Amino acid sequence: MSDGLVVKSASDVKLIVFACEAGMGSSLMGAKQLQKMVKKAKLDIEVVHSPVNQVPSHADVIVTHKSLAASARTQFPDAAIVSFMLFFGDPAVTKLVETLKAGDDVVSVL
């Protein structure tokens, strides 16, 4: 989209990447938390953890810290970007799972 935002239909989301700067620590635990949330919601969506510079090109949604969101948007213009501030219990991550469970569109949130 010309304004930099991407909308993904919930039914088209097959891969969510929890992207971070270096690939370990808090972000890995945040990715595990997201995996559990997706599983509990009974969604048939794969969730993986990756450094932002190694995100698979077929990622549908990239969940990343607000400080990396602009970089992710530039590198992956076709993915919906969901940015967060807190590695644990961030409302943006919870809203993403609720949105997918409801079958609603995922819109980039920078």
Protein backbone atom coordinates (compact mmCIF):
# COMPACT_ATOMS: atom_id res chain seq x y z
CA MET A 1 0.00 0.00 0.00
CA SER A 2 1.28 3.46 -0.75
CA ASP A 3 0.97 4.71 2.85
CA GLY A 4 3.31 1.97 4.09
CA LEU A 5 0.60 0.00 5.87
CA VAL A 6 -0.19 -3.57 4.96
CA VAL A 7 -3.47 -5.36 5.61
CA LYS A 8 -3.47 -9.14 5.87
CA SER A 9 -6.63 -11.21 5.95
CA ALA A 10 -6.63 -13.49 9.00
CA SER A 11 -7.16 -16.50 6.73
CA ASP A 12 -3.98 -15.63 4.82
CA VAL A 13 -1.75 -15.52 7.91
CA LYS A 14 0.29 -18.73 8.04
CA LEU A 15 3.61 -17.46 9.44
CA ILE A 16 4.23 -14.97 12.24
CA VAL A 17 7.85 -14.06 12.91
CA PHE A 18 8.82 -12.61 16.28
CA ALA A 19 11.82 -10.59 15.14
CA CYS A 20 14.51 -9.09 17.33
CA GLU A 21 17.86 -7.40 17.02
CA ALA A 22 20.24 -10.17 18.08
CA GLY A 23 18.14 -13.29 18.51
CA MET A 24 18.31 -14.26 22.18
CA GLY A 25 17.17 -13.34 25.66
CA SER A 26 13.92 -11.55 26.28
CA SER A 27 12.82 -11.69 22.66
CA LEU A 28 13.12 -15.48 22.60
CA MET A 29 10.92 -15.69 25.69
CA GLY A 30 8.48 -13.24 24.08
CA ALA A 31 8.31 -15.47 21.01
CA LYS A 32 7.59 -18.52 23.18
CA GLN A 33 4.80 -16.58 24.89
CA LEU A 34 3.30 -15.70 21.49
CA GLN A 35 3.54 -19.35 20.39
CA LYS A 36 1.58 -20.42 23.48
CA MET A 37 -1.06 -17.75 22.88
CA VAL A 38 -1.53 -18.83 19.24
CA LYS A 39 -1.78 -22.49 20.27
CA LYS A 40 -4.26 -21.71 23.05
CA ALA A 41 -6.38 -19.77 20.52
CA LYS A 42 -6.35 -22.92 18.33
CA LEU A 43 -4.95 -21.03 15.35
CA ASP A 44 -3.20 -22.96 12.58
CA ILE A 45 -0.37 -20.45 12.36
CA GLU A 46 3.35 -21.09 12.71
CA VAL A 47 5.24 -18.74 15.03
CA VAL A 48 9.02 -18.55 14.78
CA HIS A 49 11.74 -16.40 16.33
CA SER A 50 14.35 -14.70 14.17
CA PRO A 51 16.83 -11.84 14.11
CA VAL A 52 15.23 -9.05 12.06
CA ASN A 53 17.87 -9.37 9.33
CA GLN A 54 17.07 -13.09 8.88
CA VAL A 55 13.27 -13.05 8.74
CA PRO A 56 11.95 -15.53 6.16
CA SER A 57 10.76 -13.69 3.06
CA HIS A 58 7.38 -15.44 3.20
CA ALA A 59 6.49 -14.04 6.65
CA ASP A 60 2.91 -12.77 6.77
CA VAL A 61 3.18 -10.88 10.06
CA ILE A 62 6.32 -9.61 11.77
CA VAL A 63 6.08 -8.83 15.46
CA THR A 64 9.00 -6.66 16.54
CA HIS A 65 10.06 -4.08 19.09
CA LYS A 66 9.03 -0.53 18.20
CA SER A 67 12.70 0.41 17.72
CA LEU A 68 13.01 -2.13 14.86
CA ALA A 69 9.62 -1.60 13.20
CA ALA A 70 10.76 0.92 10.58
CA SER A 71 13.64 -1.34 9.55
CA ALA A 72 11.30 -4.34 9.29
CA ARG A 73 8.87 -2.29 7.18
CA THR A 74 11.67 -1.36 4.77
CA GLN A 75 13.02 -4.92 4.49
CA PHE A 76 9.62 -6.65 4.30
CA PRO A 77 7.12 -4.33 2.58
CA ASP A 78 4.56 -7.12 2.02
CA ALA A 79 4.33 -8.22 5.67
CA ALA A 80 2.07 -6.68 8.28
CA ILE A 81 4.25 -5.23 11.03
CA VAL A 82 3.06 -5.27 14.63
CA SER A 83 5.30 -3.33 16.98
CA PHE A 84 5.45 -3.71 20.74
CA MET A 85 7.11 -1.96 23.66
CA LEU A 86 7.04 -4.73 26.32
CA PHE A 87 8.55 -8.15 25.72
CA PHE A 88 5.97 -9.76 28.04
CA GLY A 89 2.27 -9.04 28.12
CA ASP A 90 2.30 -6.24 25.57
CA PRO A 91 -1.26 -5.24 24.54
CA ALA A 92 -0.27 -5.16 20.84
CA VAL A 93 0.68 -8.85 20.90
CA THR A 94 -2.48 -9.81 22.78
CA LYS A 95 -4.56 -7.79 20.29
CA LEU A 96 -2.87 -9.55 17.36
CA VAL A 97 -3.93 -12.97 18.65
CA GLU A 98 -7.45 -11.73 19.43
CA THR A 99 -7.71 -10.23 15.94
CA LEU A 100 -6.63 -13.47 14.29
CA LYS A 101 -8.94 -15.56 16.45
CA ALA A 102 -11.87 -13.30 15.48
CA GLY A 103 -10.97 -13.72 11.81
CA ASP A 104 -10.39 -10.00 11.36
CA ASP A 105 -7.77 -8.36 9.16
CA VAL A 106 -4.33 -7.68 10.61
CA VAL A 107 -3.20 -4.12 9.92
CA SER A 108 0.37 -2.90 10.36
CA VAL A 109 0.74 -1.03 13.63
CA LEU A 110 3.89 1.04 13.82
